[in-house]
N, C-alpha and C. Protein backbone atom coordinates (compact mmCIF):
# COMPACT_ATOMS: atom_id res chain seq x y z
N MET A 1 86.13 95.09 76.09
CA MET A 1 85.33 94.06 76.73
C MET A 1 84.87 94.55 78.07
N LYS A 2 83.67 94.09 78.54
CA LYS A 2 83.14 94.48 79.82
C LYS A 2 83.82 93.65 80.93
N LEU A 3 84.31 94.34 81.96
CA LEU A 3 84.92 93.70 83.09
C LEU A 3 84.38 94.38 84.35
N TYR A 4 84.58 93.75 85.50
CA TYR A 4 83.88 94.17 86.69
C TYR A 4 84.84 94.28 87.88
N LYS A 5 84.71 95.41 88.60
CA LYS A 5 85.53 95.69 89.77
C LYS A 5 84.66 95.60 91.00
N TYR A 6 84.98 94.62 91.88
CA TYR A 6 84.24 94.42 93.13
C TYR A 6 84.84 95.41 94.18
N LYS A 7 83.97 96.11 94.89
CA LYS A 7 84.41 97.11 95.84
C LYS A 7 83.57 97.10 97.11
N SER A 8 84.25 97.30 98.24
CA SER A 8 83.56 97.64 99.48
C SER A 8 83.12 99.12 99.39
N LEU A 9 82.06 99.46 100.09
CA LEU A 9 81.57 100.82 100.18
C LEU A 9 81.91 101.45 101.53
N ALA A 10 82.75 100.75 102.31
CA ALA A 10 83.09 101.27 103.62
C ALA A 10 83.80 102.65 103.49
N ASN A 11 84.58 102.81 102.48
CA ASN A 11 85.13 104.15 102.16
C ASN A 11 84.57 104.52 100.78
N LEU A 12 83.54 105.35 100.77
CA LEU A 12 82.89 105.67 99.51
C LEU A 12 83.80 106.39 98.47
N TRP A 13 84.76 107.14 99.02
CA TRP A 13 85.63 107.86 98.09
C TRP A 13 86.42 106.92 97.21
N HIS A 14 86.84 105.74 97.73
CA HIS A 14 87.57 104.79 96.93
C HIS A 14 86.75 104.35 95.68
N THR A 15 85.44 104.24 95.89
CA THR A 15 84.58 103.90 94.79
C THR A 15 84.32 105.06 93.89
N LEU A 16 84.05 106.23 94.48
CA LEU A 16 83.79 107.43 93.67
C LEU A 16 85.01 107.87 92.86
N ASP A 17 86.17 107.57 93.38
CA ASP A 17 87.42 107.94 92.62
C ASP A 17 87.45 107.24 91.30
N ILE A 18 86.99 105.98 91.26
CA ILE A 18 86.97 105.26 89.98
C ILE A 18 86.03 105.91 89.01
N ILE A 19 84.88 106.38 89.53
CA ILE A 19 83.83 106.97 88.67
C ILE A 19 84.19 108.38 88.27
N VAL A 20 84.57 109.19 89.22
CA VAL A 20 84.79 110.63 88.99
C VAL A 20 86.07 110.81 88.20
N ASN A 21 87.14 110.16 88.60
CA ASN A 21 88.45 110.34 87.97
C ASN A 21 88.74 109.33 86.87
N GLN A 22 87.79 108.45 86.65
CA GLN A 22 87.90 107.45 85.56
C GLN A 22 89.25 106.73 85.56
N ARG A 23 89.52 106.06 86.71
CA ARG A 23 90.80 105.38 86.84
C ARG A 23 90.66 104.27 87.89
N LEU A 24 91.55 103.30 87.79
CA LEU A 24 91.61 102.20 88.75
C LEU A 24 92.91 102.29 89.54
N TYR A 25 92.80 102.16 90.83
CA TYR A 25 94.01 102.11 91.68
C TYR A 25 94.68 100.75 91.46
N CYS A 26 96.01 100.77 91.33
CA CYS A 26 96.76 99.53 91.17
C CYS A 26 97.67 99.38 92.40
N ALA A 27 97.42 98.28 93.11
CA ALA A 27 98.21 97.98 94.32
C ALA A 27 99.55 97.36 93.93
N HIS A 28 100.54 97.57 94.80
CA HIS A 28 101.81 96.83 94.60
C HIS A 28 101.52 95.37 94.69
N TRP A 29 102.17 94.58 93.85
CA TRP A 29 101.85 93.14 93.79
C TRP A 29 101.98 92.47 95.15
N SER A 30 102.86 92.95 96.00
CA SER A 30 103.08 92.28 97.26
C SER A 30 101.89 92.49 98.24
N GLU A 31 100.97 93.38 97.91
CA GLU A 31 99.80 93.65 98.74
C GLU A 31 98.63 92.73 98.42
N LEU A 32 98.77 91.93 97.36
CA LEU A 32 97.68 91.04 96.95
C LEU A 32 97.50 89.89 97.95
N ASN A 33 96.32 89.27 97.94
CA ASN A 33 95.95 88.33 99.01
C ASN A 33 96.38 86.90 98.77
N ASP A 34 97.11 86.65 97.68
CA ASP A 34 97.66 85.28 97.45
C ASP A 34 99.15 85.30 97.76
N PRO A 35 99.57 84.52 98.81
CA PRO A 35 101.00 84.56 99.17
C PRO A 35 101.94 84.00 98.12
N LEU A 36 101.36 83.36 97.07
CA LEU A 36 102.18 82.81 95.99
C LEU A 36 102.30 83.73 94.81
N GLU A 37 101.78 84.98 94.93
CA GLU A 37 101.89 85.91 93.83
C GLU A 37 103.38 86.15 93.47
N GLY A 38 103.64 86.28 92.18
CA GLY A 38 104.98 86.63 91.74
C GLY A 38 106.00 85.54 91.83
N ARG A 39 105.57 84.29 92.12
CA ARG A 39 106.53 83.18 92.27
C ARG A 39 107.17 82.82 90.93
N TYR A 40 108.37 82.31 91.02
CA TYR A 40 109.08 81.91 89.78
C TYR A 40 110.13 80.90 90.15
N GLU A 41 110.63 80.18 89.12
CA GLU A 41 111.78 79.29 89.23
C GLU A 41 112.75 79.63 88.12
N ILE A 42 114.02 79.40 88.45
CA ILE A 42 115.09 79.61 87.47
C ILE A 42 115.69 78.25 87.13
N TYR A 43 115.69 77.92 85.82
CA TYR A 43 116.26 76.67 85.40
C TYR A 43 117.47 76.93 84.49
N LEU A 44 118.64 76.56 84.94
CA LEU A 44 119.85 76.79 84.18
C LEU A 44 120.64 75.53 83.83
N GLY A 45 120.04 74.40 84.16
CA GLY A 45 120.76 73.15 83.87
C GLY A 45 122.01 73.06 84.80
N GLU A 46 123.14 72.86 84.19
CA GLU A 46 124.41 72.73 84.92
C GLU A 46 125.19 74.02 84.99
N GLN A 47 124.61 75.12 84.59
CA GLN A 47 125.33 76.40 84.60
C GLN A 47 125.58 76.85 86.03
N SER A 48 126.53 77.78 86.18
CA SER A 48 126.99 78.16 87.52
C SER A 48 126.00 78.98 88.30
N ASN A 49 126.25 78.98 89.63
CA ASN A 49 125.33 79.74 90.51
C ASN A 49 125.41 81.25 90.31
N TRP A 50 126.58 81.75 89.82
CA TRP A 50 126.70 83.21 89.67
C TRP A 50 125.68 83.73 88.67
N LEU A 51 125.39 82.96 87.63
CA LEU A 51 124.39 83.42 86.68
C LEU A 51 123.01 83.40 87.30
N GLU A 52 122.73 82.41 88.10
CA GLU A 52 121.41 82.38 88.82
C GLU A 52 121.27 83.59 89.72
N SER A 53 122.34 83.97 90.41
CA SER A 53 122.28 85.12 91.30
C SER A 53 122.01 86.39 90.52
N ILE A 54 122.66 86.54 89.36
CA ILE A 54 122.43 87.72 88.49
C ILE A 54 120.99 87.78 88.04
N MET A 55 120.48 86.61 87.58
CA MET A 55 119.12 86.54 87.09
C MET A 55 118.11 86.84 88.17
N THR A 56 118.33 86.28 89.36
CA THR A 56 117.42 86.52 90.46
C THR A 56 117.33 88.02 90.76
N SER A 57 118.44 88.68 90.80
CA SER A 57 118.45 90.10 91.08
C SER A 57 117.73 90.87 90.01
N ARG A 58 117.92 90.50 88.73
CA ARG A 58 117.26 91.20 87.62
C ARG A 58 115.76 90.95 87.66
N ILE A 59 115.33 89.73 87.89
CA ILE A 59 113.92 89.40 87.93
C ILE A 59 113.18 90.12 89.08
N GLU A 60 113.81 90.11 90.25
CA GLU A 60 113.13 90.70 91.42
C GLU A 60 113.08 92.23 91.30
N LYS A 61 114.11 92.84 90.66
CA LYS A 61 114.05 94.27 90.45
C LYS A 61 112.93 94.64 89.51
N ALA A 62 112.77 93.83 88.42
CA ALA A 62 111.69 94.08 87.49
C ALA A 62 110.33 93.85 88.12
N ARG A 63 110.23 92.75 88.87
CA ARG A 63 108.99 92.36 89.51
C ARG A 63 108.51 93.44 90.49
N ASP A 64 109.42 94.01 91.25
CA ASP A 64 109.04 94.96 92.28
C ASP A 64 108.54 96.31 91.70
N ALA A 65 108.70 96.48 90.40
CA ALA A 65 108.19 97.74 89.78
C ALA A 65 106.75 97.63 89.45
N TYR A 66 106.18 96.45 89.47
CA TYR A 66 104.83 96.21 88.94
C TYR A 66 103.75 96.41 90.01
N ARG A 67 102.62 96.89 89.53
CA ARG A 67 101.41 97.05 90.34
C ARG A 67 100.24 96.43 89.60
N VAL A 68 99.20 96.05 90.35
CA VAL A 68 98.13 95.21 89.78
C VAL A 68 96.74 95.75 90.25
N SER A 69 95.79 95.74 89.29
CA SER A 69 94.39 95.95 89.65
C SER A 69 93.61 94.74 89.12
N SER A 70 92.85 94.15 90.01
CA SER A 70 92.13 92.88 89.66
C SER A 70 90.69 93.18 89.23
N LEU A 71 90.29 92.51 88.16
CA LEU A 71 88.90 92.62 87.63
C LEU A 71 88.37 91.20 87.42
N SER A 72 87.07 91.10 87.21
CA SER A 72 86.43 89.81 86.97
C SER A 72 85.56 89.90 85.73
N ALA A 73 85.39 88.76 85.07
CA ALA A 73 84.50 88.70 83.92
C ALA A 73 83.03 88.47 84.36
N ASP A 74 82.79 88.27 85.66
CA ASP A 74 81.44 87.92 86.14
C ASP A 74 81.04 88.86 87.28
N PRO A 75 79.94 89.63 87.12
CA PRO A 75 79.48 90.50 88.19
C PRO A 75 78.53 89.86 89.16
N THR A 76 78.22 88.60 88.99
CA THR A 76 77.18 87.97 89.84
C THR A 76 77.75 86.79 90.68
N ASN A 77 79.07 86.65 90.75
CA ASN A 77 79.63 85.56 91.46
C ASN A 77 79.44 85.70 92.99
N PHE A 78 78.76 84.73 93.58
CA PHE A 78 78.35 84.81 94.95
C PHE A 78 79.57 84.94 95.89
N LEU A 79 80.59 84.12 95.66
CA LEU A 79 81.76 84.20 96.50
C LEU A 79 82.53 85.50 96.35
N MET A 80 82.58 85.98 95.14
CA MET A 80 83.26 87.26 94.90
C MET A 80 82.57 88.40 95.64
N TRP A 81 81.26 88.40 95.64
CA TRP A 81 80.54 89.39 96.43
C TRP A 81 80.84 89.23 97.90
N SER A 82 81.00 88.06 98.39
CA SER A 82 81.30 87.80 99.78
C SER A 82 82.71 88.26 100.13
N HIS A 83 83.66 87.93 99.27
CA HIS A 83 85.08 88.18 99.62
C HIS A 83 85.56 89.59 99.32
N TYR A 84 85.05 90.18 98.24
CA TYR A 84 85.60 91.43 97.76
C TYR A 84 84.59 92.62 97.75
N ALA A 85 83.39 92.39 98.07
CA ALA A 85 82.40 93.45 98.11
C ALA A 85 81.73 93.52 99.47
N ASP A 86 82.56 93.36 100.54
CA ASP A 86 82.10 93.58 101.88
C ASP A 86 80.91 92.72 102.26
N GLY A 87 80.95 91.42 101.93
CA GLY A 87 79.86 90.54 102.30
C GLY A 87 78.51 90.95 101.72
N HIS A 88 78.52 91.30 100.43
CA HIS A 88 77.27 91.70 99.70
C HIS A 88 76.79 93.08 100.09
N LYS A 89 77.57 93.83 100.92
CA LYS A 89 77.15 95.20 101.29
C LYS A 89 77.87 96.26 100.42
N GLY A 90 78.66 95.82 99.47
CA GLY A 90 79.40 96.70 98.61
C GLY A 90 78.77 96.86 97.24
N ALA A 91 79.64 97.02 96.23
CA ALA A 91 79.17 97.25 94.88
C ALA A 91 80.15 96.65 93.86
N VAL A 92 79.64 96.53 92.64
CA VAL A 92 80.51 96.09 91.51
C VAL A 92 80.35 97.16 90.43
N LEU A 93 81.48 97.60 89.93
CA LEU A 93 81.49 98.61 88.87
C LEU A 93 81.83 97.97 87.52
N GLU A 94 81.01 98.27 86.53
CA GLU A 94 81.21 97.75 85.19
C GLU A 94 82.08 98.76 84.43
N VAL A 95 83.22 98.25 83.92
CA VAL A 95 84.12 99.08 83.14
C VAL A 95 84.38 98.42 81.79
N GLU A 96 84.84 99.22 80.87
CA GLU A 96 85.19 98.75 79.52
C GLU A 96 86.69 98.89 79.29
N VAL A 97 87.32 97.78 78.97
CA VAL A 97 88.78 97.80 78.68
C VAL A 97 88.99 97.02 77.37
N PRO A 98 89.69 97.59 76.40
CA PRO A 98 89.94 96.85 75.17
C PRO A 98 90.65 95.55 75.46
N GLU A 99 90.14 94.50 74.82
CA GLU A 99 90.69 93.15 75.03
C GLU A 99 92.17 93.07 74.64
N VAL A 100 92.60 93.92 73.76
CA VAL A 100 94.00 93.90 73.30
C VAL A 100 94.84 94.95 73.96
N HIS A 101 94.34 95.55 75.02
CA HIS A 101 95.12 96.59 75.74
C HIS A 101 96.40 95.94 76.28
N PRO A 102 97.56 96.55 76.07
CA PRO A 102 98.83 95.93 76.48
C PRO A 102 98.98 95.73 77.97
N ASP A 103 98.22 96.44 78.80
CA ASP A 103 98.29 96.29 80.26
C ASP A 103 97.33 95.21 80.80
N LEU A 104 96.45 94.68 79.92
CA LEU A 104 95.43 93.73 80.39
C LEU A 104 95.90 92.31 80.10
N ILE A 105 95.80 91.46 81.12
CA ILE A 105 96.15 90.03 80.97
C ILE A 105 95.02 89.19 81.60
N GLN A 106 94.75 88.06 80.99
CA GLN A 106 93.81 87.08 81.57
C GLN A 106 94.59 86.11 82.45
N VAL A 107 94.10 85.86 83.65
CA VAL A 107 94.80 84.94 84.56
C VAL A 107 94.64 83.52 84.06
N ILE A 108 95.74 82.76 84.13
CA ILE A 108 95.74 81.31 83.81
C ILE A 108 95.81 80.59 85.14
N TYR A 109 94.96 79.61 85.29
CA TYR A 109 94.90 78.87 86.56
C TYR A 109 95.78 77.59 86.43
N THR A 110 96.83 77.59 87.25
CA THR A 110 97.83 76.55 87.13
C THR A 110 98.53 76.36 88.46
N SER A 111 99.08 75.19 88.69
CA SER A 111 99.88 74.90 89.91
C SER A 111 101.33 75.19 89.68
N PHE A 112 101.72 75.58 88.49
CA PHE A 112 103.13 75.74 88.13
C PHE A 112 103.56 77.21 88.27
N SER A 113 104.83 77.40 88.59
CA SER A 113 105.43 78.75 88.65
C SER A 113 105.95 79.16 87.29
N SER A 114 106.16 80.45 87.11
CA SER A 114 106.88 80.91 85.91
C SER A 114 108.29 80.41 85.95
N VAL A 115 108.82 79.94 84.81
CA VAL A 115 110.16 79.39 84.72
C VAL A 115 111.01 80.25 83.82
N PHE A 116 112.16 80.65 84.34
CA PHE A 116 113.09 81.49 83.55
C PHE A 116 114.33 80.66 83.25
N THR A 117 114.80 80.82 82.02
CA THR A 117 116.06 80.15 81.58
C THR A 117 117.11 81.22 81.32
N ASP A 118 118.21 80.85 80.70
CA ASP A 118 119.30 81.82 80.47
C ASP A 118 119.08 82.75 79.28
N LYS A 119 117.92 82.62 78.62
CA LYS A 119 117.69 83.55 77.50
C LYS A 119 117.35 84.94 78.03
N LEU A 120 117.55 85.92 77.18
CA LEU A 120 117.31 87.29 77.57
C LEU A 120 115.83 87.46 77.96
N GLN A 121 115.63 88.09 79.15
CA GLN A 121 114.27 88.26 79.66
C GLN A 121 113.68 89.58 79.15
N THR A 122 112.49 89.51 78.56
CA THR A 122 111.83 90.70 78.06
C THR A 122 110.90 91.27 79.12
N LYS A 123 110.41 92.44 78.85
CA LYS A 123 109.44 93.06 79.79
C LYS A 123 108.17 92.23 79.84
N GLU A 124 107.77 91.68 78.72
CA GLU A 124 106.61 90.82 78.67
C GLU A 124 106.79 89.58 79.50
N ASP A 125 108.00 89.00 79.49
CA ASP A 125 108.31 87.84 80.31
C ASP A 125 108.08 88.18 81.80
N MET A 126 108.46 89.38 82.21
CA MET A 126 108.32 89.76 83.60
C MET A 126 106.82 89.95 83.98
N ARG A 127 106.04 90.47 83.03
CA ARG A 127 104.60 90.61 83.28
C ARG A 127 103.97 89.25 83.50
N HIS A 128 104.47 88.19 82.92
CA HIS A 128 103.91 86.86 83.04
C HIS A 128 104.08 86.35 84.46
N LEU A 129 104.83 87.02 85.30
CA LEU A 129 104.91 86.64 86.70
C LEU A 129 103.55 86.75 87.38
N PHE A 130 102.67 87.53 86.79
CA PHE A 130 101.37 87.83 87.43
C PHE A 130 100.18 87.29 86.64
N ASN A 131 100.40 86.42 85.71
CA ASN A 131 99.26 85.89 84.95
C ASN A 131 98.90 84.44 85.37
N GLY A 132 99.50 83.96 86.42
CA GLY A 132 99.19 82.59 86.88
C GLY A 132 98.76 82.57 88.37
N LYS A 133 97.70 81.83 88.65
CA LYS A 133 97.26 81.57 90.02
C LYS A 133 96.84 80.11 90.16
N GLY A 134 96.79 79.61 91.37
CA GLY A 134 96.35 78.20 91.58
C GLY A 134 94.94 77.98 91.13
N GLU A 135 94.62 76.75 90.79
CA GLU A 135 93.30 76.42 90.26
C GLU A 135 92.16 76.66 91.24
N GLU A 136 92.50 76.70 92.54
CA GLU A 136 91.46 76.99 93.53
C GLU A 136 90.92 78.41 93.41
N TRP A 137 91.60 79.29 92.66
CA TRP A 137 91.17 80.66 92.47
C TRP A 137 90.31 80.83 91.21
N ALA A 138 90.04 79.74 90.50
CA ALA A 138 89.41 79.85 89.18
C ALA A 138 88.03 80.49 89.23
N TYR A 139 87.34 80.39 90.39
CA TYR A 139 86.00 80.98 90.50
C TYR A 139 86.02 82.49 90.27
N GLU A 140 87.18 83.12 90.44
CA GLU A 140 87.26 84.58 90.29
C GLU A 140 87.17 85.07 88.85
N GLN A 141 87.44 84.16 87.89
CA GLN A 141 87.44 84.52 86.46
C GLN A 141 88.15 85.87 86.24
N GLU A 142 89.40 85.87 86.70
CA GLU A 142 90.13 87.16 86.87
C GLU A 142 90.86 87.63 85.59
N TYR A 143 90.76 88.90 85.41
CA TYR A 143 91.64 89.67 84.49
C TYR A 143 92.41 90.66 85.35
N ARG A 144 93.58 91.04 84.84
CA ARG A 144 94.40 91.94 85.63
C ARG A 144 94.96 93.06 84.75
N ILE A 145 94.98 94.27 85.36
CA ILE A 145 95.74 95.33 84.81
C ILE A 145 97.13 95.22 85.49
N VAL A 146 98.16 95.08 84.71
CA VAL A 146 99.55 94.99 85.25
C VAL A 146 100.34 96.14 84.66
N THR A 147 100.73 97.02 85.52
CA THR A 147 101.36 98.28 85.09
C THR A 147 102.36 98.74 86.12
N GLU A 148 103.14 99.74 85.74
CA GLU A 148 104.10 100.30 86.67
C GLU A 148 103.56 101.54 87.37
N GLY A 149 102.40 102.02 86.97
CA GLY A 149 101.82 103.22 87.56
C GLY A 149 100.83 102.91 88.71
N ARG A 150 100.61 103.92 89.57
CA ARG A 150 99.69 103.72 90.69
C ARG A 150 98.26 103.68 90.21
N PHE A 151 97.98 104.30 89.06
CA PHE A 151 96.63 104.34 88.55
C PHE A 151 96.62 103.93 87.08
N PHE A 152 95.49 103.29 86.69
CA PHE A 152 95.29 102.93 85.27
C PHE A 152 94.14 103.76 84.78
N ALA A 153 94.35 104.51 83.72
CA ALA A 153 93.32 105.39 83.17
C ALA A 153 92.33 104.53 82.34
N LEU A 154 91.08 104.56 82.73
CA LEU A 154 90.03 103.81 81.99
C LEU A 154 89.78 104.52 80.66
N PRO A 155 89.74 103.76 79.58
CA PRO A 155 89.51 104.36 78.25
C PRO A 155 88.09 104.95 78.15
N GLU A 156 87.14 104.42 78.95
CA GLU A 156 85.74 104.90 78.87
C GLU A 156 85.25 105.09 80.31
N PRO A 157 84.20 105.90 80.49
CA PRO A 157 83.62 106.07 81.82
C PRO A 157 82.96 104.77 82.31
N VAL A 158 82.78 104.71 83.60
CA VAL A 158 82.04 103.59 84.22
C VAL A 158 80.62 103.56 83.63
N HIS A 159 80.16 102.42 83.21
CA HIS A 159 78.86 102.30 82.58
C HIS A 159 77.75 101.97 83.60
N ARG A 160 78.02 101.03 84.50
CA ARG A 160 76.97 100.58 85.43
C ARG A 160 77.59 100.31 86.80
N ILE A 161 76.76 100.44 87.82
CA ILE A 161 77.13 100.06 89.17
C ILE A 161 76.06 99.10 89.69
N PHE A 162 76.51 97.96 90.14
CA PHE A 162 75.64 96.99 90.79
C PHE A 162 75.73 97.13 92.29
N LEU A 163 74.68 97.40 92.97
CA LEU A 163 74.65 97.54 94.41
C LEU A 163 74.31 96.19 95.04
N GLY A 164 75.07 95.81 96.03
CA GLY A 164 74.84 94.51 96.69
C GLY A 164 73.47 94.44 97.39
N PRO A 165 72.94 93.23 97.57
CA PRO A 165 71.64 93.08 98.14
C PRO A 165 71.58 93.53 99.60
N LEU A 166 72.74 93.63 100.26
CA LEU A 166 72.78 94.03 101.66
C LEU A 166 73.34 95.40 101.86
N VAL A 167 73.44 96.19 100.78
CA VAL A 167 73.99 97.55 100.90
C VAL A 167 73.05 98.39 101.75
N SER A 168 73.62 99.29 102.58
CA SER A 168 72.77 100.14 103.41
C SER A 168 72.09 101.17 102.55
N GLU A 169 70.87 101.53 102.97
CA GLU A 169 70.12 102.55 102.22
C GLU A 169 70.82 103.88 102.24
N GLU A 170 71.57 104.19 103.29
CA GLU A 170 72.31 105.43 103.37
C GLU A 170 73.36 105.53 102.28
N ARG A 171 74.15 104.46 102.12
CA ARG A 171 75.18 104.47 101.11
C ARG A 171 74.59 104.41 99.72
N ALA A 172 73.51 103.67 99.54
CA ALA A 172 72.86 103.60 98.25
C ALA A 172 72.33 104.98 97.83
N SER A 173 71.75 105.69 98.80
CA SER A 173 71.19 107.01 98.55
C SER A 173 72.26 108.00 98.16
N ILE A 174 73.41 107.94 98.85
CA ILE A 174 74.53 108.87 98.51
C ILE A 174 75.01 108.61 97.08
N LEU A 175 75.17 107.35 96.75
CA LEU A 175 75.62 107.07 95.38
C LEU A 175 74.63 107.51 94.34
N GLU A 176 73.34 107.30 94.59
CA GLU A 176 72.34 107.69 93.62
C GLU A 176 72.26 109.19 93.44
N LYS A 177 72.68 109.95 94.49
CA LYS A 177 72.66 111.43 94.39
C LYS A 177 73.89 111.98 93.71
N VAL A 178 75.03 111.35 93.91
CA VAL A 178 76.29 111.96 93.41
C VAL A 178 76.78 111.38 92.10
N VAL A 179 76.35 110.16 91.76
CA VAL A 179 76.80 109.53 90.51
C VAL A 179 76.15 110.20 89.32
N PRO A 180 76.88 110.48 88.25
CA PRO A 180 76.28 111.10 87.06
C PRO A 180 75.12 110.26 86.48
N ASP A 181 74.19 110.97 85.87
CA ASP A 181 73.00 110.29 85.29
C ASP A 181 73.40 109.30 84.19
N THR A 182 74.59 109.47 83.63
CA THR A 182 74.98 108.54 82.57
C THR A 182 75.37 107.16 83.08
N VAL A 183 75.49 107.04 84.41
CA VAL A 183 75.85 105.76 85.02
C VAL A 183 74.57 105.08 85.49
N GLU A 184 74.29 103.89 85.01
CA GLU A 184 73.13 103.15 85.41
C GLU A 184 73.39 102.47 86.80
N ILE A 185 72.49 102.63 87.73
CA ILE A 185 72.63 101.94 89.01
C ILE A 185 71.65 100.81 89.10
N VAL A 186 72.14 99.64 89.37
CA VAL A 186 71.36 98.42 89.37
C VAL A 186 71.34 97.83 90.77
N ARG A 187 70.20 97.47 91.26
CA ARG A 187 70.08 96.80 92.55
C ARG A 187 70.13 95.27 92.37
N MET A 188 70.96 94.62 93.14
CA MET A 188 71.01 93.16 93.09
C MET A 188 70.08 92.58 94.15
N GLU A 189 69.56 91.44 93.91
CA GLU A 189 68.68 90.78 94.83
C GLU A 189 69.17 89.38 95.14
N LEU A 190 69.14 89.03 96.40
CA LEU A 190 69.59 87.72 96.87
C LEU A 190 68.43 86.70 96.86
N ASP A 191 68.62 85.67 96.05
CA ASP A 191 67.63 84.57 96.06
C ASP A 191 68.08 83.56 97.09
N ARG A 192 67.49 83.62 98.28
CA ARG A 192 67.90 82.78 99.41
C ARG A 192 67.58 81.28 99.18
N THR A 193 66.63 81.02 98.32
CA THR A 193 66.29 79.62 98.02
C THR A 193 67.37 78.99 97.12
N GLN A 194 67.75 79.70 96.07
CA GLN A 194 68.73 79.16 95.13
C GLN A 194 70.14 79.48 95.49
N GLY A 195 70.31 80.51 96.40
CA GLY A 195 71.67 80.92 96.74
C GLY A 195 72.36 81.60 95.60
N THR A 196 71.64 82.47 94.88
CA THR A 196 72.16 83.18 93.71
C THR A 196 71.81 84.62 93.79
N LEU A 197 72.43 85.41 92.93
CA LEU A 197 72.15 86.83 92.81
C LEU A 197 71.46 87.13 91.51
N THR A 198 70.42 87.98 91.57
CA THR A 198 69.72 88.36 90.35
C THR A 198 69.55 89.89 90.35
N VAL A 199 69.16 90.41 89.19
CA VAL A 199 68.93 91.85 89.08
C VAL A 199 67.50 92.16 89.60
N ASN A 200 67.41 93.14 90.46
CA ASN A 200 66.11 93.47 91.09
C ASN A 200 65.35 94.45 90.20
N SER A 201 65.05 94.01 88.98
CA SER A 201 64.22 94.81 88.09
C SER A 201 63.88 93.95 86.85
N PRO A 202 62.62 93.94 86.46
CA PRO A 202 62.25 93.13 85.27
C PRO A 202 62.81 93.68 84.00
N ASN A 203 63.22 94.96 83.99
CA ASN A 203 63.67 95.62 82.75
C ASN A 203 65.17 95.59 82.59
N GLN A 204 65.91 95.01 83.54
CA GLN A 204 67.35 95.05 83.49
C GLN A 204 67.89 93.61 83.47
N THR A 205 68.92 93.41 82.70
CA THR A 205 69.54 92.11 82.60
C THR A 205 71.06 92.28 82.73
N ILE A 206 71.72 91.21 83.10
CA ILE A 206 73.17 91.17 83.14
C ILE A 206 73.65 90.13 82.13
N GLN A 207 74.57 90.53 81.32
CA GLN A 207 75.17 89.65 80.35
C GLN A 207 76.66 89.64 80.54
N PRO A 208 77.18 88.80 81.47
CA PRO A 208 78.63 88.75 81.70
C PRO A 208 79.39 88.39 80.43
N THR A 209 80.59 88.89 80.35
CA THR A 209 81.46 88.55 79.21
C THR A 209 81.61 87.06 79.15
N PRO A 210 81.24 86.39 78.01
CA PRO A 210 81.43 84.94 77.93
C PRO A 210 82.84 84.56 77.67
N VAL A 211 83.60 84.37 78.73
CA VAL A 211 85.04 84.13 78.60
C VAL A 211 85.35 82.75 79.17
N PRO A 212 85.98 81.85 78.38
CA PRO A 212 86.38 80.57 78.86
C PRO A 212 87.50 80.68 79.85
N LEU A 213 87.47 79.94 80.95
CA LEU A 213 88.54 79.92 81.90
C LEU A 213 89.79 79.36 81.22
N ARG A 214 90.94 79.83 81.67
CA ARG A 214 92.21 79.37 81.10
C ARG A 214 92.97 78.59 82.19
N PHE A 215 93.24 77.35 81.85
CA PHE A 215 94.03 76.47 82.74
C PHE A 215 95.29 76.06 81.98
N ALA A 216 96.37 75.94 82.73
CA ALA A 216 97.64 75.55 82.11
C ALA A 216 97.48 74.20 81.42
N GLY A 217 97.91 74.11 80.17
CA GLY A 217 97.83 72.82 79.48
C GLY A 217 96.56 72.66 78.69
N SER A 218 95.57 73.58 78.84
CA SER A 218 94.30 73.46 78.12
C SER A 218 94.51 74.02 76.72
N ALA A 219 93.57 73.73 75.87
CA ALA A 219 93.70 74.10 74.44
C ALA A 219 93.66 75.62 74.30
N ASN A 220 93.04 76.35 75.20
CA ASN A 220 92.95 77.81 75.05
C ASN A 220 93.93 78.54 75.93
N SER A 221 94.92 77.87 76.48
CA SER A 221 95.90 78.55 77.31
C SER A 221 97.10 78.98 76.45
């Protein structure tokens, strides 16, 4: 499936690394911008505190091994360009990741924490610590790579780069010179009347992955 990585171009190498080395950097989960990342609750009923202490230690040890790279299903989200692409001066990279890849999860928007009971915790249970965010984040339409490595190897090369409407001509020129010809470079245009982003070419279109948002308790969650 097509997914999108929002990037600042303040450090061009960070963007070129994705293209040249065909990989995504995965930050430690504690570096993410939501202070509620990795939250959980332990429910043991009337069982003793010693078991809760053991479980807490086990969960936090497993949690601390994970790293995350965030992607979006939508390359034209106005707020995403503002927050994660240097105020529309950055870029969005289109990548292809198999929908069934074991490291890929779709974020579920919920006000609830992950809940652990006394059953044996699997590795997949621990990964679920990172598949929930509050409903106020739903605009991000987020997918995540959740892995224990610093980098995630992309199965395919980057297909397209969308340049923000406020990107400097200097940075745009550098990218156009160094990026392989196999990568399509698309200029975005800001519609100040509608407050939207469009493709600055009559011959180019954007077709975001049609993915329904997932909310806790919904039919598709």
